[in-house]
Protein backbone atom coordinates (compact mmCIF):
# COMPACT_ATOMS: atom_id res chain seq x y z
CA MET A 1 -19.48 15.73 -9.55
CA SER A 2 -19.16 12.34 -10.63
CA PHE A 3 -19.76 9.13 -8.58
CA ALA A 4 -16.32 8.53 -8.10
CA GLN A 5 -15.84 12.26 -7.07
CA ILE A 6 -18.14 11.47 -4.34
CA ARG A 7 -16.57 8.35 -3.24
CA LEU A 8 -13.48 9.51 -2.92
CA LEU A 9 -14.53 12.72 -0.59
CA LYS A 10 -16.33 9.96 1.51
CA THR A 11 -12.64 8.12 2.15
CA GLU A 12 -11.55 7.74 5.53
CA GLY A 13 -8.58 8.68 4.07
CA PHE A 14 -9.92 12.02 2.80
CA ARG A 15 -11.25 12.30 5.94
CA LEU A 16 -8.15 12.14 7.81
CA SER A 17 -6.40 14.55 5.24
CA SER A 18 -8.79 17.09 5.97
CA ILE A 19 -8.36 16.98 9.42
CA TYR A 20 -5.16 17.28 9.01
CA ALA A 21 -5.59 20.22 7.17
CA GLY A 22 -7.74 21.44 9.68
CA VAL A 23 -4.75 21.23 12.06
CA PHE A 24 -2.53 22.67 9.98
CA ALA A 25 -4.52 25.76 9.26
CA LEU A 26 -5.10 26.31 12.92
CA SER A 27 -1.08 25.64 13.13
CA VAL A 28 -0.35 28.61 11.01
CA LEU A 29 -3.23 30.97 12.13
CA ALA A 30 -1.62 30.63 15.74
CA MET A 31 2.21 30.68 14.20
CA GLY A 32 1.00 33.89 12.17
CA VAL A 33 -0.56 35.51 15.63
CA VAL A 34 2.78 34.92 17.67
CA VAL A 35 4.90 36.04 14.77
CA LEU A 36 3.27 39.29 14.27
CA VAL A 37 2.91 39.77 18.23
CA ILE A 38 6.83 39.28 18.72
CA THR A 39 8.19 40.84 15.51
CA GLY A 40 5.76 43.99 15.97
CA GLN A 41 7.00 44.18 19.80
CA ALA A 42 10.78 43.86 18.34
CA PHE A 43 10.05 46.47 15.78
CA ARG A 44 8.59 48.56 18.32
CA ASP A 45 11.67 48.06 21.04
CA GLN A 46 13.84 49.19 18.00
CA VAL A 47 12.72 52.21 17.41
CA VAL A 48 12.56 53.43 21.44
CA GLN A 49 15.76 51.89 21.16
CA TYR A 50 17.17 54.67 18.21
CA SER A 51 15.26 57.42 19.96
CA ARG A 52 16.88 57.06 23.38
CA ALA A 53 20.06 56.91 21.41
CA ASP A 54 19.07 60.40 19.60
CA LEU A 55 17.81 61.88 22.84
CA ALA A 56 20.45 61.09 25.00
CA ALA A 57 23.05 62.77 21.98
CA ILE A 58 20.45 66.16 22.59
CA GLN A 59 20.51 65.96 26.28
CA ASP A 60 24.68 65.56 26.43
CA GLY A 61 24.73 68.91 23.91
CA TYR A 62 22.40 70.59 26.22
CA ARG A 63 24.63 69.87 29.08
CA SER A 64 28.02 71.01 27.72
CA GLU A 65 26.97 74.19 26.04
CA GLY A 66 22.75 74.93 26.69
CA VAL A 67 20.00 75.08 24.93
CA ASP A 68 21.67 76.37 21.93
CA GLU A 69 24.47 73.05 21.25
CA ALA A 70 21.00 71.05 21.70
CA ARG A 71 19.70 72.88 18.68
CA GLU A 72 22.49 72.48 17.21
CA VAL A 73 22.78 68.78 17.72
CA VAL A 74 18.86 68.30 16.43
CA MET A 75 19.66 70.12 13.45
CA GLN A 76 22.37 67.83 12.56
CA GLN A 77 20.59 64.60 13.40
CA MET A 78 17.87 65.85 11.14
CA ALA A 79 20.58 67.07 8.22
CA ALA A 80 21.82 63.74 8.41
CA PRO A 81 19.20 61.58 9.36
CA GLY A 82 19.94 57.77 11.53
CA ALA A 83 17.20 55.92 12.04
CA SER A 84 14.89 58.92 13.58
CA ASP A 85 12.24 60.47 11.31
CA PHE A 86 10.85 63.30 13.69
CA PHE A 87 12.38 65.35 16.18
CA LEU A 88 11.37 67.95 18.12
CA LEU A 89 12.98 70.30 20.75
CA GLN A 90 11.12 73.53 22.23
CA LYS A 91 10.61 75.84 25.09
CA ASP A 92 7.81 76.67 26.91
CA LYS A 93 5.82 75.56 23.72
CA THR A 94 7.74 77.28 21.12
CA VAL A 95 9.60 75.21 18.76
CA LEU A 96 13.65 75.68 18.56
CA ALA A 97 14.28 72.86 16.29
CA GLY A 98 12.60 69.84 14.28
CA ASN A 99 9.95 68.52 11.96
CA LEU A 100 6.56 68.44 14.92
CA PRO A 101 4.53 71.39 15.94
CA ALA A 102 5.04 72.22 19.43
CA MET A 103 3.09 69.68 21.77
CA THR A 104 2.25 68.79 25.44
CA GLY A 105 5.67 67.60 27.09
CA LYS A 106 5.31 63.69 28.22
CA ALA A 107 8.65 62.38 29.43
CA GLY A 108 8.89 58.31 28.49
CA ILE A 109 7.39 56.41 25.28
CA VAL A 110 5.28 58.41 23.51
CA SER A 111 2.84 57.71 20.55
CA LEU A 112 1.42 60.41 18.51
CA PRO A 113 -0.94 60.19 15.23
CA GLY A 114 0.98 60.33 12.00
CA SER A 115 0.35 61.97 8.35
CA GLY A 116 -2.13 59.30 7.55
CA PRO A 117 -3.47 55.55 8.51
CA GLY A 118 -0.41 53.65 8.95
CA HIS A 119 1.78 56.60 9.78
CA ASP A 120 1.78 56.48 13.87
CA ILE A 121 4.74 57.96 15.54
CA LEU A 122 6.37 56.28 18.00
CA GLY A 123 9.35 57.78 20.08
CA VAL A 124 10.36 59.21 22.98
CA GLY A 125 10.38 62.19 25.38
CA LEU A 126 12.75 64.04 27.36
CA PHE A 127 12.52 67.29 29.92
CA LEU A 128 16.23 68.45 29.44
CA ALA A 129 15.37 71.16 31.86
CA PRO A 130 11.96 72.71 32.82
CA GLY A 131 10.29 73.85 30.22
CA ILE A 132 13.11 72.39 27.85
CA TYR A 133 11.22 69.52 25.88
CA ALA A 134 12.76 67.13 23.47
CA PHE A 135 11.61 64.28 21.29
CA SER A 136 13.05 61.78 19.20
CA GLY A 137 10.35 59.06 17.06
CA SER A 138 10.18 57.13 14.02
CA ASP A 139 6.69 56.81 11.70
CA LEU A 140 5.98 53.12 11.97
CA TYR A 141 5.23 52.54 8.36
CA ARG A 142 7.92 50.11 8.05
CA VAL A 143 6.96 48.17 10.73
CA HIS A 144 3.41 47.95 9.47
CA ALA A 145 4.89 47.27 5.89
CA ALA A 146 6.98 44.42 7.66
CA GLN A 147 3.95 43.09 9.37
CA ASP A 148 1.69 43.34 6.47
CA ARG A 149 4.67 41.39 4.22
CA ILE A 150 4.64 38.63 6.94
CA ILE A 151 0.95 38.39 6.74
CA THR A 152 1.54 37.47 3.39
CA ALA A 153 4.17 34.83 3.29
CA LEU A 154 1.62 33.84 5.61
CA LEU A 155 -1.24 33.52 4.14
CA TRP A 156 0.33 32.08 0.65
CA LEU A 157 2.03 29.15 2.82
CA PHE A 158 -1.25 28.75 4.69
CA SER A 159 -3.07 28.24 0.88
CA ALA A 160 -0.03 26.26 -0.62
CA GLY A 161 -0.36 24.04 2.52
CA ILE A 162 -4.20 23.85 2.36
CA VAL A 163 -3.89 23.22 -1.45
CA LEU A 164 -1.15 20.10 -0.60
CA ALA A 165 -3.27 18.74 2.10
CA VAL A 166 -6.46 18.78 -0.43
CA LEU A 167 -4.02 17.36 -3.19
CA GLY A 168 -2.22 14.78 -0.86
CA GLY A 169 -5.72 13.70 0.63
CA ALA A 170 -7.01 13.31 -2.41
CA LEU A 171 -4.25 10.62 -3.48
CA VAL A 172 -3.98 8.89 -0.67
CA SER A 173 -7.86 8.32 -0.95
CA ARG A 174 -7.46 7.19 -4.55
CA SER A 175 -4.66 4.53 -3.41
CA PHE A 176 -7.03 3.74 0.20
CA LEU A 177 -9.56 3.31 -2.55
CA ARG A 178 -8.32 0.92 -4.85
CA ARG A 179 -7.27 -1.38 -2.17
CA THR A 180 -10.08 -1.30 -0.01
CA ASP A 181 -11.66 -2.26 -4.05
CA ALA A 182 -9.59 -4.80 -4.25
CA MET A 183 -10.74 -6.30 -0.45
CA ALA A 184 -13.96 -5.86 -1.59
CA THR A 185 -13.95 -7.65 -4.68
CA ALA A 186 -11.67 -10.36 -3.02
CA CYS A 187 -14.67 -10.66 -0.51
CA ARG A 188 -17.19 -10.63 -2.99
CA ALA A 189 -15.76 -13.58 -5.30
CA ILE A 190 -15.39 -15.69 -1.72
CA MET A 191 -19.26 -15.35 -1.53
CA ASP A 192 -19.81 -16.28 -4.65
CA GLY A 193 -17.77 -19.54 -4.00
CA ASN A 194 -14.69 -18.67 -4.64
CA MET A 195 -13.31 -19.99 -1.60
CA ARG A 196 -9.09 -19.53 -3.54
CA THR A 197 -9.38 -16.00 -3.68
CA ARG A 198 -7.38 -13.70 -1.98
CA ILE A 199 -6.86 -10.54 -1.00
CA PRO A 200 -3.76 -8.99 -2.74
CA VAL A 201 -0.99 -7.76 -0.64
CA ARG A 202 1.26 -4.64 -1.59
CA GLY A 203 3.96 -5.90 0.39
CA SER A 204 4.80 -2.71 1.97
CA GLY A 205 3.63 -3.58 5.40
CA ASP A 206 1.72 -0.91 6.13
CA GLU A 207 -1.75 -1.44 8.37
CA LEU A 208 -3.59 -2.31 5.15
CA ASP A 209 -0.95 -5.61 4.10
CA ARG A 210 -1.26 -6.33 8.09
CA LEU A 211 -5.20 -6.31 7.90
CA ALA A 212 -5.29 -8.18 4.76
CA ASP A 213 -2.74 -10.88 6.36
CA ALA A 214 -4.86 -11.56 8.59
CA ILE A 215 -8.03 -11.38 6.70
CA ASN A 216 -6.09 -14.16 4.21
CA ALA A 217 -4.98 -16.60 7.04
CA MET A 218 -8.42 -15.82 8.76
CA LEU A 219 -9.65 -17.21 4.80
CA ASP A 220 -6.93 -20.09 5.17
CA ARG A 221 -8.21 -21.45 8.30
CA ILE A 222 -11.67 -21.14 7.04
CA ALA A 223 -11.24 -22.78 3.75
CA GLY A 224 -9.51 -25.81 5.79
CA LEU A 225 -12.12 -25.99 7.89
CA MET A 226 -14.86 -26.45 5.16
CA GLU A 227 -12.88 -29.09 3.55
CA ASN A 228 -12.85 -30.42 6.65
CA VAL A 229 -16.17 -30.07 7.01
CA HIS A 230 -17.15 -31.66 3.52
CA GLN A 231 -14.41 -34.43 4.15
CA VAL A 232 -16.19 -35.48 7.16
CA THR A 233 -19.63 -35.24 5.51
CA ASN A 234 -18.38 -37.74 3.02
CA ASP A 235 -17.05 -40.10 5.31
CA ILE A 236 -19.69 -39.82 7.51
CA ALA A 237 -22.01 -40.53 5.07
CA HIS A 238 -19.29 -43.25 3.82
CA ASP A 239 -19.12 -44.89 7.19
CA LEU A 240 -22.69 -44.92 8.35
CA ARG A 241 -24.53 -46.16 5.16
CA THR A 242 -23.16 -49.89 6.47
CA PRO A 243 -24.55 -49.67 10.17
CA VAL A 244 -27.82 -48.34 9.21
CA SER A 245 -28.07 -50.28 6.18
CA HIS A 246 -27.63 -53.44 9.07
CA LEU A 247 -30.01 -51.58 11.43
CA ARG A 248 -32.38 -51.30 8.54
CA ASN A 249 -32.12 -55.24 7.44
CA ARG A 250 -32.63 -56.57 11.02
CA LEU A 251 -35.81 -54.61 11.15
CA GLU A 252 -36.81 -55.57 8.13
CA ARG A 253 -36.28 -59.54 8.93
CA ALA A 254 -37.59 -59.10 11.95
CA SER A 255 -40.79 -57.09 10.72
CA SER A 256 -41.06 -60.17 7.86
CA GLN A 257 -39.59 -63.12 9.49
CA ALA A 258 -39.99 -63.03 13.09
CA ALA A 259 -42.47 -65.31 14.71
CA THR A 260 -41.69 -65.70 18.26
CA VAL A 261 -41.18 -63.07 21.31
CA ASP A 262 -37.69 -64.17 21.57
CA ASP A 263 -37.07 -63.37 17.74
CA TYR A 264 -38.41 -59.89 18.17
CA ALA A 265 -36.12 -59.27 21.19
CA ASP A 266 -33.36 -60.36 19.33
CA ALA A 267 -34.31 -58.43 16.67
CA ILE A 268 -34.62 -55.25 18.95
CA GLN A 269 -31.34 -55.82 20.80
CA ALA A 270 -29.53 -55.90 17.84
CA ALA A 271 -31.08 -52.81 16.89
CA ILE A 272 -29.91 -51.27 19.89
CA ALA A 273 -26.45 -51.97 19.35
CA LYS A 274 -26.17 -50.69 16.34
CA SER A 275 -27.99 -47.65 17.68
CA ASP A 276 -25.51 -47.73 20.18
CA GLU A 277 -22.42 -47.87 17.63
CA ILE A 278 -24.04 -44.83 15.61
CA LEU A 279 -24.56 -42.84 18.26
CA ALA A 280 -20.67 -43.56 19.88
CA LEU A 281 -19.21 -42.13 16.57
CA PHE A 282 -21.71 -38.91 16.56
CA ASN A 283 -20.40 -38.50 20.37
CA ALA A 284 -16.79 -38.49 19.63
CA LEU A 285 -17.45 -36.32 16.64
CA LEU A 286 -18.91 -33.82 19.37
CA ARG A 287 -16.19 -34.40 21.89
CA ILE A 288 -13.69 -33.35 19.12
CA ALA A 289 -15.47 -30.03 18.35
CA GLN A 290 -15.85 -29.18 22.10
CA LEU A 291 -12.19 -29.66 22.53
CA GLU A 292 -11.16 -27.95 19.60
CA GLY A 293 -13.32 -25.11 20.81
CA GLY A 294 -11.40 -24.27 24.00
CA ALA A 295 -13.42 -26.68 26.46
CA ARG A 296 -11.45 -27.31 29.60
CA ARG A 297 -8.89 -25.00 29.12
CA ALA A 298 -9.75 -22.69 32.47
CA ALA A 299 -9.02 -26.35 34.60
CA PHE A 300 -5.44 -26.55 33.46
CA ALA A 301 -2.91 -27.04 36.04
CA PRO A 302 0.94 -28.26 36.22
CA VAL A 303 1.39 -31.96 34.83
CA ASP A 304 4.18 -34.34 35.44
CA LEU A 305 5.04 -35.54 31.82
CA ALA A 306 7.48 -37.95 33.40
CA GLU A 307 4.99 -39.37 36.06
CA LEU A 308 1.96 -39.27 33.82
CA LEU A 309 3.88 -41.81 31.35
CA SER A 310 5.11 -43.95 33.88
CA HIS A 311 1.14 -44.49 34.72
CA MET A 312 0.34 -45.05 31.28
CA ARG A 313 2.95 -48.00 31.52
CA GLU A 314 0.82 -48.84 34.43
CA LEU A 315 -2.47 -48.27 32.47
CA PHE A 316 -1.76 -50.28 29.53
CA GLY A 317 1.02 -52.78 30.76
CA ALA A 318 -1.44 -55.33 30.93
CA VAL A 319 -3.58 -54.93 28.19
CA VAL A 320 0.16 -54.89 25.79
CA GLU A 321 1.42 -58.50 26.95
CA GLU A 322 -2.13 -59.84 26.79
CA ALA A 323 -2.15 -58.82 22.91
CA GLY A 324 1.61 -60.16 22.54
CA HIS A 325 3.17 -56.18 22.19
CA HIS A 326 5.58 -55.18 24.29
CA LEU A 327 5.52 -51.74 26.16
CA GLU A 328 8.62 -49.53 27.21
CA VAL A 329 8.82 -45.94 28.67
CA ARG A 330 11.72 -43.35 28.79
CA THR A 331 10.91 -40.86 30.95
CA GLY A 332 14.42 -39.31 32.36
CA SER A 333 13.93 -36.22 34.35
CA SER A 334 10.79 -34.88 35.47
CA VAL A 335 9.14 -32.32 32.96
CA THR A 336 6.55 -30.21 34.02
CA VAL A 337 3.93 -28.48 31.26
CA ARG A 338 0.08 -27.08 31.73
CA GLY A 339 -2.88 -29.26 30.89
CA ASP A 340 -5.56 -31.49 32.16
CA ARG A 341 -4.31 -34.88 33.45
CA GLN A 342 -7.17 -36.63 32.27
CA LEU A 343 -7.36 -35.42 28.74
CA LEU A 344 -3.58 -35.91 28.38
CA ILE A 345 -4.00 -39.71 29.59
CA GLN A 346 -6.67 -39.71 27.02
CA LEU A 347 -4.40 -38.54 24.03
CA PHE A 348 -1.68 -40.46 25.08
CA SER A 349 -4.23 -44.04 25.38
CA ASN A 350 -5.19 -43.22 21.97
CA LEU A 351 -1.86 -43.62 20.78
CA ILE A 352 -1.31 -46.91 22.48
CA GLU A 353 -4.20 -47.79 21.67
CA ASN A 354 -3.88 -47.07 17.95
CA ALA A 355 -0.57 -48.62 18.34
CA ILE A 356 -2.34 -51.89 19.69
CA LEU A 357 -4.82 -52.15 16.78
CA HIS A 358 -2.67 -51.65 14.18
CA THR A 359 0.35 -53.75 14.31
CA PRO A 360 0.84 -57.58 14.71
CA PRO A 361 2.04 -59.52 18.17
CA GLY A 362 5.09 -58.91 19.26
CA THR A 363 5.78 -54.89 18.01
CA HIS A 364 7.46 -53.04 20.30
CA ILE A 365 5.82 -49.49 21.30
CA THR A 366 7.98 -47.11 23.04
CA LEU A 367 7.41 -43.90 24.52
CA SER A 368 9.93 -41.55 25.33
CA LEU A 369 9.86 -37.97 27.02
CA SER A 370 12.75 -35.79 26.20
CA GLN A 371 13.27 -31.46 26.36
CA ASP A 372 15.10 -28.63 24.82
CA ASP A 373 14.65 -25.02 25.62
CA THR A 374 11.25 -24.90 24.76
CA GLN A 375 9.18 -27.62 24.34
CA ALA A 376 8.98 -30.81 26.41
CA ILE A 377 8.53 -33.74 23.74
CA VAL A 378 7.45 -37.27 23.77
CA LEU A 379 7.49 -39.97 20.92
CA VAL A 380 4.97 -42.53 20.83
CA SER A 381 6.86 -45.11 18.57
CA ASP A 382 6.56 -48.88 17.32
CA ASN A 383 8.71 -50.74 15.02
CA GLY A 384 5.17 -52.05 13.13
CA PRO A 385 4.73 -52.14 9.65
CA GLY A 386 4.12 -48.12 9.42
CA VAL A 387 2.20 -46.12 7.02
CA PRO A 388 3.17 -44.82 3.34
CA LEU A 389 4.50 -40.94 3.75
CA ASP A 390 1.83 -39.97 1.11
CA GLU A 391 -0.51 -40.64 4.19
CA TYR A 392 1.39 -38.69 7.07
CA ASP A 393 -1.04 -35.64 7.00
CA ARG A 394 -4.02 -37.66 6.41
CA LEU A 395 -3.90 -39.91 9.39
CA PHE A 396 -5.22 -37.02 11.63
CA GLN A 397 -7.94 -36.15 9.58
CA ARG A 398 -11.79 -37.03 10.79
CA LEU A 399 -13.04 -40.36 9.95
CA TYR A 400 -9.90 -40.86 7.41
CA ARG A 401 -9.44 -44.67 7.60
CA ARG A 402 -6.90 -46.89 5.80
CA GLU A 403 -7.81 -49.20 3.10
CA ALA A 404 -5.96 -51.98 5.72
CA SER A 405 -8.39 -50.88 8.25
CA ARG A 406 -11.74 -50.85 6.97
CA THR A 407 -12.06 -54.47 8.11
CA ARG A 408 -11.49 -53.64 11.65
CA PRO A 409 -14.18 -51.78 14.34
CA GLY A 410 -13.57 -48.37 14.31
CA TYR A 411 -14.33 -45.31 12.65
CA GLY A 412 -11.28 -43.80 12.07
CA LEU A 413 -11.42 -41.02 15.20
CA GLY A 414 -8.93 -42.02 17.65
CA LEU A 415 -5.83 -39.97 15.84
CA SER A 416 -8.06 -37.10 14.93
CA MET A 417 -9.27 -36.89 18.88
CA VAL A 418 -5.29 -36.93 19.64
CA SER A 419 -5.06 -34.07 16.75
CA ALA A 420 -7.54 -31.64 19.30
CA LEU A 421 -6.24 -32.68 22.49
CA ALA A 422 -3.08 -31.30 21.39
CA GLU A 423 -4.32 -27.98 20.11
CA LEU A 424 -6.32 -27.46 22.82
CA HIS A 425 -2.65 -27.99 24.82
CA GLY A 426 -0.77 -25.54 22.66
CA ALA A 427 1.31 -28.32 21.32
CA SER A 428 2.18 -29.70 17.97
CA VAL A 429 1.48 -33.68 16.87
CA LYS A 430 2.87 -34.87 13.76
CA ILE A 431 4.25 -38.04 12.32
CA VAL A 432 8.20 -38.21 11.67
CA GLU A 433 10.33 -40.34 9.91
CA GLN A 434 12.46 -43.16 11.41
CA ALA A 435 15.53 -44.99 10.19
CA GLY A 436 13.88 -48.37 10.67
CA PRO A 437 10.13 -49.43 10.10
CA GLY A 438 6.99 -48.39 12.39
CA LEU A 439 5.62 -44.83 13.12
CA CYS A 440 6.37 -42.97 14.97
CA VAL A 441 4.43 -39.82 16.35
CA ARG A 442 5.67 -36.76 17.76
CA VAL A 443 4.15 -34.67 20.37
CA ALA A 444 5.71 -31.26 21.67
CA PHE A 445 4.42 -29.27 24.36
CA PRO A 446 5.43 -25.96 25.30
CA LEU A 447 7.00 -25.45 28.67
CA PRO A 448 5.54 -22.82 31.09
CA ALA A 449 6.98 -19.61 31.11
CA ASP A 450 8.44 -19.86 34.65
CA SER A 451 9.64 -23.58 33.78
CA PRO A 452 13.60 -24.00 34.10
CA GLU A 453 15.58 -24.81 31.61
């Protein structure tokens, strides 16, 4: 037996086919037993019915004209046999008519040994009068022959079913094996570093297709995360190079040029400030990772977005005016979502601060709230210079900073935090195009199931 054949026998498809074949075999066996019992009893009942009819004719002849007429009826039945094969009319152990030897009379259904195996006689006996006994019966060979034919048919059906089950199992196993081999090949290619490889989907919609779709979706997610990690690694290396270089240069100058205690104190304070700046970057990255991991979701409670946005106006009104901007909040009716109030304040604070930092004085910043059948939608927009369309998708990446923002303090984590907070709340966040200049961020929260429309 070849290796491929051994693999075929070990597949789950072949095992299932074998189980189905075993169940089929047991079903055929049970059905055969039931059919044999039912047909055997039906044939016997038919023999008894015919025997009773013959005896009724013999009894009628005896009642009308006595033993001679009864004997005449038996002779007629034997000359032109109908359903019964054997007859006997005897008086006091003396055979008057029939093709059976004298026997001990027994009323009712009687079984007699026949001329050989399978030739048993089944019939009915009747006392016409004291000492006068009549019997009518048939050889059961026809019943046994019919049962043998039924057994033969069932054996052929059983054999054909087993052969078809084995062939079907082999075909199913081959198809199953080809698809699992394709999955294994794709997984090995991915392990070898080809993250673009995906498991082929046949399009039949069966369980293997659903499994392949789920694995492919997982691979897409992993590839996205790995790309994000790669980008974050590059961005961290790029953005930390400057503060770490400054920190090292200050320490070198302090080591080579500082002459007094005050010089050393200033150098140490500058180094501490730079260290705090670097630690703040890593703390922000850690917080984003915690949010993406689903932290604090258990503490969610109903939050009124209209009241929350009004609170944001109170928090940032003075800050916005001091920066020379104008903040407007449009809430309308109350809209309730489930979430963490403090985290939602953080989300909208980042969006407002982003608008303040990256727009010139005189910019109008607007927070507007609306609702449809399934979502609560908050738009944070401004009429500043805006962002090119080709950068929309990159603004929410960690540590991404536009060239125009490189001279400003920060590490490009504000909108990444917004994305993580939105995902934690099951919300979608994206930048939408406006008719006029500026930038508009759309945050859509799912409404609770019991929320009124």
